[in-house]
Amino acid sequence: MDDTYEAAGERLDRALHRLEASVRSLNGRVRAHARIEADTQKLIAERAKFASELDKASAKAKRLDDTAADVARRLVVAMETVNEVIRDA
């Protein structure tokens, strides 16, 4: 009967060791997952920042294009006026 208790105790010890190893492994995976989650959140924040900066740069480029088109139109009008003055002179 002592052998039965001893064998049961040994099985229990082995089971507890396996359980401890599983818990350690699970803790490592949880920590790794938490690091990945934190990195993902940082990347999402950076992406939002870059998207905002891109939107601002795009808006500025549009304003510059509009301004350049307006300047070109005004130059054409000015050149036409100069040509008319020269012809009339």
N, C-alpha and C. Protein backbone atom coordinates (compact mmCIF):
# COMPACT_ATOMS: atom_id res chain seq x y z
N MET A 1 0.81 -1.18 0.00
CA MET A 1 0.00 0.00 0.00
C MET A 1 0.87 1.26 0.00
N ASP A 2 2.02 1.20 0.70
CA ASP A 2 2.94 2.33 0.69
C ASP A 2 3.44 2.59 -0.72
N ASP A 3 3.63 1.49 -1.49
CA ASP A 3 4.08 1.65 -2.87
C ASP A 3 3.04 2.40 -3.69
N THR A 4 1.78 2.13 -3.40
CA THR A 4 0.70 2.78 -4.14
C THR A 4 0.69 4.27 -3.84
N TYR A 5 0.86 4.61 -2.56
CA TYR A 5 0.90 6.03 -2.18
C TYR A 5 2.14 6.71 -2.76
N GLU A 6 3.25 5.98 -2.72
CA GLU A 6 4.49 6.53 -3.26
C GLU A 6 4.37 6.77 -4.76
N ALA A 7 3.82 5.80 -5.47
CA ALA A 7 3.63 5.93 -6.92
C ALA A 7 2.68 7.08 -7.22
N ALA A 8 1.62 7.19 -6.43
CA ALA A 8 0.65 8.28 -6.64
C ALA A 8 1.32 9.62 -6.35
N GLY A 9 2.13 9.67 -5.31
CA GLY A 9 2.86 10.90 -4.98
C GLY A 9 3.82 11.29 -6.09
N GLU A 10 4.51 10.31 -6.66
CA GLU A 10 5.43 10.59 -7.76
C GLU A 10 4.68 11.09 -9.00
N ARG A 11 3.54 10.46 -9.28
CA ARG A 11 2.73 10.92 -10.42
C ARG A 11 2.24 12.34 -10.19
N LEU A 12 1.85 12.61 -8.95
CA LEU A 12 1.40 13.96 -8.61
C LEU A 12 2.54 14.97 -8.76
N ASP A 13 3.73 14.60 -8.30
CA ASP A 13 4.90 15.48 -8.45
C ASP A 13 5.19 15.75 -9.93
N ARG A 14 5.16 14.70 -10.74
CA ARG A 14 5.41 14.87 -12.18
C ARG A 14 4.34 15.77 -12.81
N ALA A 15 3.11 15.55 -12.41
CA ALA A 15 2.01 16.37 -12.95
C ALA A 15 2.19 17.82 -12.54
N LEU A 16 2.59 18.06 -11.29
CA LEU A 16 2.80 19.44 -10.83
C LEU A 16 3.97 20.10 -11.57
N HIS A 17 5.02 19.34 -11.83
CA HIS A 17 6.16 19.88 -12.58
C HIS A 17 5.73 20.24 -14.01
N ARG A 18 4.94 19.36 -14.63
CA ARG A 18 4.45 19.67 -15.98
C ARG A 18 3.55 20.90 -15.96
N LEU A 19 2.73 20.99 -14.92
CA LEU A 19 1.85 22.16 -14.79
C LEU A 19 2.67 23.43 -14.62
N GLU A 20 3.70 23.39 -13.78
CA GLU A 20 4.56 24.56 -13.59
C GLU A 20 5.25 24.95 -14.89
N ALA A 21 5.72 23.96 -15.65
CA ALA A 21 6.37 24.24 -16.93
C ALA A 21 5.37 24.87 -17.90
N SER A 22 4.16 24.37 -17.90
CA SER A 22 3.13 24.93 -18.78
C SER A 22 2.80 26.37 -18.40
N VAL A 23 2.73 26.64 -17.10
CA VAL A 23 2.43 28.00 -16.63
C VAL A 23 3.55 28.94 -17.03
N ARG A 24 4.83 28.49 -16.85
CA ARG A 24 5.97 29.32 -17.26
C ARG A 24 5.92 29.61 -18.76
N SER A 25 5.63 28.59 -19.54
CA SER A 25 5.54 28.77 -20.99
C SER A 25 4.41 29.72 -21.35
N LEU A 26 3.28 29.56 -20.70
CA LEU A 26 2.14 30.45 -20.95
C LEU A 26 2.47 31.89 -20.57
N ASN A 27 3.14 32.06 -19.44
CA ASN A 27 3.55 33.41 -19.03
C ASN A 27 4.47 34.06 -20.06
N GLY A 28 5.39 33.28 -20.60
CA GLY A 28 6.29 33.79 -21.63
C GLY A 28 5.52 34.20 -22.87
N ARG A 29 4.56 33.39 -23.27
CA ARG A 29 3.76 33.73 -24.45
C ARG A 29 2.89 34.96 -24.19
N VAL A 30 2.37 35.09 -22.98
CA VAL A 30 1.55 36.26 -22.64
C VAL A 30 2.41 37.52 -22.68
N ARG A 31 3.62 37.45 -22.13
CA ARG A 31 4.53 38.61 -22.18
C ARG A 31 4.88 38.97 -23.61
N ALA A 32 5.17 37.95 -24.43
CA ALA A 32 5.49 38.20 -25.84
C ALA A 32 4.30 38.83 -26.55
N HIS A 33 3.11 38.34 -26.27
CA HIS A 33 1.90 38.90 -26.87
C HIS A 33 1.72 40.36 -26.43
N ALA A 34 1.98 40.65 -25.17
CA ALA A 34 1.84 42.02 -24.67
C ALA A 34 2.83 42.95 -25.36
N ARG A 35 4.06 42.47 -25.59
CA ARG A 35 5.06 43.28 -26.30
C ARG A 35 4.61 43.52 -27.74
N ILE A 36 4.11 42.49 -28.38
CA ILE A 36 3.63 42.64 -29.76
C ILE A 36 2.46 43.62 -29.80
N GLU A 37 1.56 43.51 -28.84
CA GLU A 37 0.42 44.43 -28.78
C GLU A 37 0.88 45.87 -28.59
N ALA A 38 1.86 46.09 -27.71
CA ALA A 38 2.39 47.44 -27.48
C ALA A 38 3.06 47.96 -28.76
N ASP A 39 3.83 47.11 -29.43
CA ASP A 39 4.47 47.53 -30.69
C ASP A 39 3.42 47.85 -31.75
N THR A 40 2.37 47.06 -31.80
CA THR A 40 1.30 47.30 -32.75
C THR A 40 0.63 48.65 -32.49
N GLN A 41 0.38 48.95 -31.22
CA GLN A 41 -0.23 50.24 -30.88
C GLN A 41 0.67 51.40 -31.27
N LYS A 42 1.99 51.23 -31.07
CA LYS A 42 2.94 52.28 -31.48
C LYS A 42 2.89 52.48 -33.00
N LEU A 43 2.86 51.37 -33.74
CA LEU A 43 2.80 51.46 -35.20
C LEU A 43 1.51 52.13 -35.66
N ILE A 44 0.41 51.82 -35.01
CA ILE A 44 -0.87 52.44 -35.36
C ILE A 44 -0.81 53.95 -35.11
N ALA A 45 -0.22 54.33 -33.98
CA ALA A 45 -0.09 55.77 -33.67
C ALA A 45 0.81 56.46 -34.69
N GLU A 46 1.93 55.82 -35.05
CA GLU A 46 2.84 56.40 -36.05
C GLU A 46 2.15 56.52 -37.40
N ARG A 47 1.38 55.50 -37.76
CA ARG A 47 0.66 55.53 -39.03
C ARG A 47 -0.32 56.70 -39.06
N ALA A 48 -1.03 56.90 -37.97
CA ALA A 48 -1.98 58.02 -37.90
C ALA A 48 -1.25 59.35 -38.03
N LYS A 49 -0.10 59.46 -37.37
CA LYS A 49 0.70 60.69 -37.44
C LYS A 49 1.16 60.93 -38.87
N PHE A 50 1.68 59.88 -39.53
CA PHE A 50 2.16 60.03 -40.90
C PHE A 50 1.01 60.34 -41.86
N ALA A 51 -0.15 59.74 -41.63
CA ALA A 51 -1.31 60.03 -42.48
C ALA A 51 -1.71 61.49 -42.34
N SER A 52 -1.67 62.00 -41.12
CA SER A 52 -2.00 63.41 -40.89
C SER A 52 -0.99 64.31 -41.58
N GLU A 53 0.29 63.99 -41.45
CA GLU A 53 1.33 64.78 -42.10
C GLU A 53 1.19 64.73 -43.63
N LEU A 54 0.84 63.56 -44.15
CA LEU A 54 0.64 63.42 -45.60
C LEU A 54 -0.55 64.27 -46.05
N ASP A 55 -1.62 64.26 -45.27
CA ASP A 55 -2.79 65.08 -45.62
C ASP A 55 -2.41 66.56 -45.65
N LYS A 56 -1.64 67.00 -44.67
CA LYS A 56 -1.21 68.40 -44.63
C LYS A 56 -0.33 68.73 -45.82
N ALA A 57 0.61 67.85 -46.13
CA ALA A 57 1.52 68.08 -47.26
C ALA A 57 0.73 68.09 -48.57
N SER A 58 -0.24 67.21 -48.70
CA SER A 58 -1.06 67.16 -49.91
C SER A 58 -1.87 68.44 -50.07
N ALA A 59 -2.42 68.93 -48.97
CA ALA A 59 -3.18 70.18 -49.01
C ALA A 59 -2.28 71.34 -49.40
N LYS A 60 -1.08 71.37 -48.85
CA LYS A 60 -0.13 72.44 -49.19
C LYS A 60 0.26 72.35 -50.67
N ALA A 61 0.50 71.14 -51.17
CA ALA A 61 0.85 70.96 -52.58
C ALA A 61 -0.29 71.44 -53.47
N LYS A 62 -1.52 71.15 -53.07
CA LYS A 62 -2.68 71.62 -53.85
C LYS A 62 -2.73 73.14 -53.87
N ARG A 63 -2.51 73.76 -52.71
CA ARG A 63 -2.51 75.23 -52.66
C ARG A 63 -1.41 75.80 -53.55
N LEU A 64 -0.23 75.18 -53.52
CA LEU A 64 0.88 75.64 -54.37
C LEU A 64 0.53 75.49 -55.85
N ASP A 65 -0.07 74.36 -56.21
CA ASP A 65 -0.48 74.15 -57.61
C ASP A 65 -1.51 75.20 -58.03
N ASP A 66 -2.47 75.45 -57.16
CA ASP A 66 -3.50 76.46 -57.46
C ASP A 66 -2.87 77.84 -57.62
N THR A 67 -1.94 78.15 -56.73
CA THR A 67 -1.26 79.45 -56.80
C THR A 67 -0.44 79.54 -58.08
N ALA A 68 0.27 78.49 -58.44
CA ALA A 68 1.08 78.48 -59.66
C ALA A 68 0.19 78.66 -60.88
N ALA A 69 -0.97 78.02 -60.90
CA ALA A 69 -1.89 78.17 -62.02
C ALA A 69 -2.40 79.60 -62.10
N ASP A 70 -2.70 80.20 -60.95
CA ASP A 70 -3.17 81.59 -60.93
C ASP A 70 -2.08 82.54 -61.43
N VAL A 71 -0.84 82.31 -61.00
CA VAL A 71 0.28 83.15 -61.44
C VAL A 71 0.47 83.01 -62.95
N ALA A 72 0.38 81.79 -63.45
CA ALA A 72 0.53 81.57 -64.89
C ALA A 72 -0.56 82.30 -65.65
N ARG A 73 -1.79 82.24 -65.16
CA ARG A 73 -2.90 82.93 -65.81
C ARG A 73 -2.67 84.44 -65.82
N ARG A 74 -2.21 84.97 -64.71
CA ARG A 74 -1.94 86.41 -64.62
C ARG A 74 -0.81 86.82 -65.55
N LEU A 75 0.21 85.97 -65.66
CA LEU A 75 1.32 86.27 -66.57
C LEU A 75 0.83 86.32 -68.02
N VAL A 76 -0.04 85.41 -68.38
CA VAL A 76 -0.59 85.41 -69.74
C VAL A 76 -1.36 86.71 -69.99
N VAL A 77 -2.18 87.11 -69.02
CA VAL A 77 -2.93 88.36 -69.15
C VAL A 77 -1.97 89.54 -69.28
N ALA A 78 -0.93 89.57 -68.45
CA ALA A 78 0.04 90.66 -68.49
C ALA A 78 0.76 90.70 -69.84
N MET A 79 1.16 89.52 -70.34
CA MET A 79 1.85 89.47 -71.64
C MET A 79 0.92 89.94 -72.76
N GLU A 80 -0.32 89.55 -72.71
CA GLU A 80 -1.28 89.99 -73.72
C GLU A 80 -1.46 91.51 -73.66
N THR A 81 -1.51 92.05 -72.46
CA THR A 81 -1.64 93.50 -72.29
C THR A 81 -0.43 94.22 -72.86
N VAL A 82 0.77 93.70 -72.57
CA VAL A 82 1.99 94.30 -73.09
C VAL A 82 1.99 94.24 -74.61
N ASN A 83 1.60 93.12 -75.19
CA ASN A 83 1.53 92.98 -76.65
C ASN A 83 0.55 93.98 -77.26
N GLU A 84 -0.58 94.17 -76.61
CA GLU A 84 -1.57 95.14 -77.12
C GLU A 84 -1.01 96.55 -77.06
N VAL A 85 -0.31 96.90 -75.98
CA VAL A 85 0.28 98.23 -75.85
C VAL A 85 1.33 98.44 -76.92
N ILE A 86 2.15 97.40 -77.17
CA ILE A 86 3.20 97.51 -78.19
C ILE A 86 2.58 97.66 -79.58
N ARG A 87 1.54 96.93 -79.89
CA ARG A 87 0.88 97.02 -81.20
C ARG A 87 0.24 98.38 -81.41
N ASP A 88 -0.35 98.90 -80.33
CA ASP A 88 -1.05 100.20 -80.42
C ASP A 88 -0.08 101.37 -80.47
N ALA A 89 1.15 101.15 -80.09
CA ALA A 89 2.11 102.25 -80.02
C ALA A 89 2.66 102.67 -81.34
